[in-house]
Protein backbone atom coordinates (compact mmCIF):
# COMPACT_ATOMS: atom_id res chain seq x y z
CA UNK A 1 13.52 94.75 73.08
CA UNK A 2 10.73 94.97 70.51
CA UNK A 3 9.90 98.53 71.53
CA UNK A 4 13.57 99.46 71.24
CA UNK A 5 13.59 98.47 67.56
CA UNK A 6 10.04 99.82 67.06
CA UNK A 7 8.67 96.32 66.38
CA UNK A 8 5.86 94.49 68.18
CA UNK A 9 4.45 91.00 67.98
CA UNK A 10 0.71 90.21 67.95
CA UNK A 11 -0.18 86.64 68.92
CA UNK A 12 -2.60 84.34 67.11
CA UNK A 13 -6.35 84.87 67.86
CA UNK A 14 -5.47 88.31 69.18
CA UNK A 15 -5.56 91.80 67.67
CA UNK A 16 -3.74 94.92 68.82
CA UNK A 17 -5.15 98.44 68.87
CA UNK A 18 -2.78 100.94 67.24
CA UNK A 19 -2.91 104.61 68.25
CA UNK A 20 -1.07 107.63 67.03
CA UNK A 21 -0.66 110.34 69.63
CA UNK A 22 -3.56 108.82 71.56
CA UNK A 23 -5.94 108.56 68.60
CA UNK A 24 -7.15 105.24 67.18
CA UNK A 25 -5.55 104.49 63.85
CA UNK A 26 -5.71 100.79 63.02
CA UNK A 27 -6.30 97.22 64.20
CA UNK A 28 -3.17 95.11 63.95
CA UNK A 29 -3.59 91.48 62.92
CA UNK A 30 -1.42 88.63 64.32
CA UNK A 31 2.20 88.90 63.26
CA UNK A 32 5.08 91.39 63.49
CA UNK A 33 4.43 95.11 63.04
CA UNK A 34 6.65 98.18 62.81
CA UNK A 35 5.58 101.02 65.11
CA UNK A 36 8.00 103.94 65.26
CA UNK A 37 7.36 105.27 68.74
CA UNK A 38 9.19 108.42 67.85
CA UNK A 39 6.29 109.29 65.51
CA UNK A 40 3.78 108.90 68.33
CA UNK A 41 2.62 105.41 67.35
CA UNK A 42 1.94 102.91 70.08
CA UNK A 43 -0.19 99.90 71.01
CA UNK A 44 -3.08 100.91 73.27
CA UNK A 45 -3.89 97.33 74.15
CA UNK A 46 -4.67 93.83 72.94
CA UNK A 47 -8.05 92.22 72.37
CA UNK A 48 -8.59 88.44 72.40
CA UNK A 49 -10.75 86.91 69.65
CA UNK A 50 -11.05 83.58 71.46
CA UNK A 51 -14.40 82.26 72.63
CA UNK A 52 -14.96 83.26 76.24
CA UNK A 53 -17.45 82.02 78.82
CA UNK A 54 -19.14 83.89 81.64
CA UNK A 55 -21.19 82.10 84.30
CA UNK A 56 -23.82 84.33 85.88
CA UNK A 57 -25.71 83.36 89.05
CA UNK A 58 -28.96 85.25 89.47
CA UNK A 59 -31.34 85.00 92.42
CA UNK A 60 -34.99 85.67 91.65
CA UNK A 61 -38.51 84.67 92.69
CA UNK A 62 -41.03 82.52 90.84
CA UNK A 63 -44.74 83.18 90.45
CA UNK A 64 -45.52 80.88 93.40
CA UNK A 65 -43.13 82.88 95.64
CA UNK A 66 -40.19 80.45 95.63
CA UNK A 67 -36.70 81.95 95.55
CA UNK A 68 -34.37 80.22 93.12
CA UNK A 69 -30.81 80.69 91.90
CA UNK A 70 -30.63 80.55 88.11
CA UNK A 71 -27.16 79.92 86.68
CA UNK A 72 -26.68 81.08 83.08
CA UNK A 73 -23.60 80.33 81.01
CA UNK A 74 -22.85 82.94 78.32
CA UNK A 75 -20.39 82.13 75.53
CA UNK A 76 -19.23 85.19 73.59
CA UNK A 77 -16.34 86.58 71.58
CA UNK A 78 -15.15 89.87 70.08
CA UNK A 79 -15.61 90.42 66.34
CA UNK A 80 -12.42 91.12 64.42
CA UNK A 81 -14.13 93.61 62.08
CA UNK A 82 -15.48 95.54 65.10
CA UNK A 83 -12.42 95.28 67.30
CA UNK A 84 -12.20 99.06 67.82
CA UNK A 85 -15.80 99.13 69.14
CA UNK A 86 -15.14 96.19 71.45
CA UNK A 87 -12.00 97.87 72.80
CA UNK A 88 -13.21 101.45 73.23
CA UNK A 89 -16.95 101.31 73.88
CA UNK A 90 -16.96 99.01 76.92
CA UNK A 91 -14.79 99.38 79.97
CA UNK A 92 -16.00 96.13 81.59
CA UNK A 93 -17.53 93.64 79.17
CA UNK A 94 -18.33 90.96 81.75
CA UNK A 95 -20.21 93.35 84.04
CA UNK A 96 -22.24 94.63 81.09
CA UNK A 97 -23.24 91.10 80.03
CA UNK A 98 -24.07 90.21 83.63
CA UNK A 99 -26.39 93.21 83.93
CA UNK A 100 -28.35 92.19 80.83
CA UNK A 101 -28.62 88.59 82.06
CA UNK A 102 -29.99 89.78 85.42
CA UNK A 103 -32.52 91.99 83.68
CA UNK A 104 -33.90 89.27 81.39
CA UNK A 105 -34.00 86.48 84.01
CA UNK A 106 -35.67 88.68 86.62
CA UNK A 107 -38.25 89.69 84.03
CA UNK A 108 -38.98 86.14 82.82
CA UNK A 109 -38.86 83.84 85.85
CA UNK A 110 -41.41 85.74 88.03
CA UNK A 111 -44.03 85.01 85.37
CA UNK A 112 -43.60 81.24 85.75
CA UNK A 113 -44.39 78.67 88.44
CA UNK A 114 -41.46 76.73 89.85
CA UNK A 115 -42.26 73.57 87.87
CA UNK A 116 -42.62 75.62 84.68
CA UNK A 117 -39.21 77.23 85.24
CA UNK A 118 -37.61 73.78 84.95
CA UNK A 119 -39.72 72.92 81.91
CA UNK A 120 -39.12 76.22 80.07
CA UNK A 121 -35.43 76.80 80.79
CA UNK A 122 -34.67 76.66 77.05
CA UNK A 123 -37.15 79.48 76.43
CA UNK A 124 -35.51 81.53 79.19
CA UNK A 125 -32.08 80.91 77.66
CA UNK A 126 -33.36 81.94 74.24
CA UNK A 127 -34.80 85.17 75.64
CA UNK A 128 -31.47 85.99 77.33
CA UNK A 129 -29.55 85.26 74.13
CA UNK A 130 -31.81 87.44 71.98
CA UNK A 131 -31.54 90.38 74.38
CA UNK A 132 -27.76 90.05 74.65
CA UNK A 133 -27.37 89.72 70.89
CA UNK A 134 -29.22 92.97 70.29
CA UNK A 135 -27.32 94.84 72.98
CA UNK A 136 -23.78 93.49 72.55
CA UNK A 137 -23.64 93.60 68.73
CA UNK A 138 -23.42 97.38 68.95
CA UNK A 139 -20.29 97.00 71.07
CA UNK A 140 -18.52 94.61 68.71
CA UNK A 141 -19.31 91.33 70.49
CA UNK A 142 -21.06 88.20 69.24
CA UNK A 143 -23.15 86.01 71.57
CA UNK A 144 -22.42 82.46 70.45
CA UNK A 145 -24.49 80.44 72.93
CA UNK A 146 -26.57 81.00 76.05
CA UNK A 147 -27.37 78.10 78.36
CA UNK A 148 -29.33 77.80 81.59
CA UNK A 149 -27.08 75.25 83.26
CA UNK A 150 -28.69 75.08 86.71
CA UNK A 151 -31.83 76.04 88.62
CA UNK A 152 -31.40 75.78 92.37
CA UNK A 153 -34.42 76.29 94.65
CA UNK A 154 -33.99 76.69 98.38
CA UNK A 155 -32.87 73.54 100.19
CA UNK A 156 -36.17 73.26 102.08
CA UNK A 157 -38.09 73.57 98.81
CA UNK A 158 -35.98 70.84 97.19
CA UNK A 159 -36.60 68.57 100.18
CA UNK A 160 -40.35 69.23 99.96
CA UNK A 161 -40.34 68.52 96.20
CA UNK A 162 -38.53 65.23 96.81
CA UNK A 163 -41.05 64.27 99.50
CA UNK A 164 -43.96 65.06 97.17
CA UNK A 165 -42.38 62.97 94.43
CA UNK A 166 -41.71 60.10 96.86
CA UNK A 167 -45.31 60.23 98.14
CA UNK A 168 -46.68 60.16 94.60
CA UNK A 169 -44.53 57.15 93.72
CA UNK A 170 -45.56 55.35 96.92
CA UNK A 171 -49.21 56.02 96.11
CA UNK A 172 -48.71 54.66 92.60
CA UNK A 173 -46.95 51.58 94.00
CA UNK A 174 -49.80 51.03 96.48
CA UNK A 175 -52.35 51.25 93.66
CA UNK A 176 -50.40 48.79 91.56
CA UNK A 177 -50.05 46.41 94.51
CA UNK A 178 -53.78 46.61 95.27
CA UNK A 179 -54.60 45.99 91.61
CA UNK A 180 -52.31 42.96 91.59
CA UNK A 181 -53.95 41.58 94.75
CA UNK A 182 -57.37 42.18 93.22
CA UNK A 183 -56.43 40.25 90.08
CA UNK A 184 -54.95 37.48 92.25
CA UNK A 185 -58.13 37.18 94.32
CA UNK A 186 -60.28 37.14 91.19
CA UNK A 187 -58.16 34.40 89.65
CA UNK A 188 -58.21 32.45 92.91
CA UNK A 189 -62.01 32.75 93.12
CA UNK A 190 -62.37 31.67 89.49
CA UNK A 191 -60.11 28.69 90.20
CA UNK A 192 -62.09 27.71 93.30
CA UNK A 193 -65.37 28.02 91.39
CA UNK A 194 -64.03 25.88 88.58
CA UNK A 195 -62.70 23.32 91.09
CA UNK A 196 -66.04 23.17 92.90
CA UNK A 197 -67.85 22.80 89.60
CA UNK A 198 -65.62 19.93 88.54
CA UNK A 199 -65.89 18.39 92.03
CA UNK A 200 -69.68 18.59 91.78
CA UNK A 201 -69.59 16.86 88.41
CA UNK A 202 -67.41 14.13 89.88
CA UNK A 203 -69.69 13.61 92.87
CA UNK A 204 -72.75 13.52 90.63
CA UNK A 205 -71.16 10.93 88.38
CA UNK A 206 -70.02 8.93 91.39
CA UNK A 207 -73.52 8.87 92.83
CA UNK A 208 -74.98 7.99 89.46
CA UNK A 209 -72.54 5.09 89.20
CA UNK A 210 -73.49 3.94 92.72
CA UNK A 211 -77.18 4.07 91.85
CA UNK A 212 -76.58 2.18 88.62
CA UNK A 213 -74.54 -0.44 90.49
CA UNK A 214 -77.18 -0.86 93.20
CA UNK A 215 -79.88 -1.22 90.59
CA UNK A 216 -77.93 -3.86 88.74
CA UNK A 217 -77.22 -5.68 92.03
CA UNK A 218 -80.89 -5.66 93.05
CA UNK A 219 -82.03 -6.92 89.66
CA UNK A 220 -79.34 -9.61 89.53
CA UNK A 221 -80.00 -10.80 93.09
CA UNK A 222 -83.79 -10.91 92.54
CA UNK A 223 -83.33 -13.02 89.42
CA UNK A 224 -80.80 -15.44 90.94
CA UNK A 225 -82.56 -15.79 94.34
CA UNK A 226 -86.29 -16.30 93.83
CA UNK A 227 -88.63 -14.94 96.51
CA UNK A 228 -86.45 -11.96 97.50
CA UNK A 229 -87.75 -8.45 97.23
CA UNK A 230 -85.96 -5.23 96.46
CA UNK A 231 -86.29 -4.27 100.14
CA UNK A 232 -84.42 -7.39 101.25
CA UNK A 233 -81.65 -6.74 98.79
CA UNK A 234 -81.27 -3.07 99.90
CA UNK A 235 -81.13 -4.10 103.55
CA UNK A 236 -78.40 -6.59 102.79
CA UNK A 237 -76.43 -4.02 100.75
CA UNK A 238 -76.68 -1.45 103.55
CA UNK A 239 -75.49 -3.99 106.15
CA UNK A 240 -72.57 -4.92 103.90
CA UNK A 241 -71.61 -1.27 103.41
CA UNK A 242 -71.95 -0.72 107.16
CA UNK A 243 -69.43 -3.44 107.96
CA UNK A 244 -67.07 -2.23 105.22
CA UNK A 245 -67.19 1.24 106.72
CA UNK A 246 -66.53 -0.04 110.22
CA UNK A 247 -63.59 -2.05 108.89
CA UNK A 248 -62.04 1.04 107.30
CA UNK A 249 -62.55 3.11 110.47
CA UNK A 250 -60.99 0.40 112.59
CA UNK A 251 -57.99 0.16 110.31
CA UNK A 252 -57.10 3.81 110.93
CA UNK A 253 -55.68 4.77 114.33
CA UNK A 254 -56.44 8.48 113.84
CA UNK A 255 -60.04 8.23 112.67
CA UNK A 256 -62.43 10.74 114.24
CA UNK A 257 -65.71 9.53 112.64
CA UNK A 258 -68.64 8.85 115.01
CA UNK A 259 -71.90 7.06 114.11
CA UNK A 260 -75.01 7.97 116.16
CA UNK A 261 -76.94 5.76 116.77
CA UNK A 262 -74.30 3.02 116.54
CA UNK A 263 -74.94 -0.69 116.06
CA UNK A 264 -75.99 -3.10 113.35
CA UNK A 265 -79.65 -2.59 114.21
CA UNK A 266 -79.35 1.07 113.34
CA UNK A 267 -78.82 0.11 109.73
CA UNK A 268 -82.47 -0.89 109.43
CA UNK A 269 -83.52 2.52 110.79
CA UNK A 270 -81.29 4.25 108.24
CA UNK A 271 -82.76 2.15 105.44
CA UNK A 272 -86.29 2.99 106.65
CA UNK A 273 -85.47 6.70 106.66
CA UNK A 274 -84.06 6.52 103.15
CA UNK A 275 -87.11 4.66 101.83
CA UNK A 276 -89.48 7.05 103.57
CA UNK A 277 -87.63 10.00 102.04
CA UNK A 278 -87.92 8.51 98.55
CA UNK A 279 -91.61 7.78 99.07
CA UNK A 280 -92.34 11.27 100.33
CA UNK A 281 -90.47 12.75 97.38
CA UNK A 282 -92.37 10.60 94.94
CA UNK A 283 -95.70 11.48 96.58
CA UNK A 284 -94.89 15.18 96.44
CA UNK A 285 -94.06 14.93 92.71
CA UNK A 286 -97.35 13.13 91.98
CA UNK A 287 -99.32 15.80 93.91
């Protein structure tokens, strides 16, 4: 109906290419336009000014001979002031952009190791964008953004990378566990050393108290019972301790202590051995 009345409508964010007898004449902005077809005027086509996106999947090889699929996302749009160039100079815009993306990616990725490809994907995207900007600006298109959205190595390579990562983490966990056990053993040894030290102090004080008590007992008994010697007092103390010990052993049904030789007469032998040991020690000190 619009062609019948020589009127056409151009939608928003779109421009129309006006020709007269097959020759470009003007770019029609959004709105209603009068085109008398009888004078040879017609619309050759429409061109969208909206932002468009093209996803390009490119297979290439890294420096360490690993094949990867690099997925680049190109966001572009036609420039209104260069609409005639965008309409006439390119027959297939998407194929042209794809060719430039292939060229840049296949020139950049083979220079990098696989790990570096992941680390430097922004640099690859920037290189693609710069090359596209230089090439496509002459055809009336603007490259708005270029993103490397995915890098996909072969499935076997991804599995190997995951295994390497898992092994490294297990090794780190083993080191941390060994370090924790080492610290635990050190702390346990320090605690045992401190306990033994304190136990030794306690035993030394206990023995000192026993010696002091025996000395006081000997002195007190010698004063209160005239004619007794220190030897008599020590023999009596040892016999008393012997019977106390036997009483404690007999009171326990699960005691496993054994005295050899056993008997009250053995106390005198023990006392003799103790005195002989003290005398020998004293003699050695005097020598």
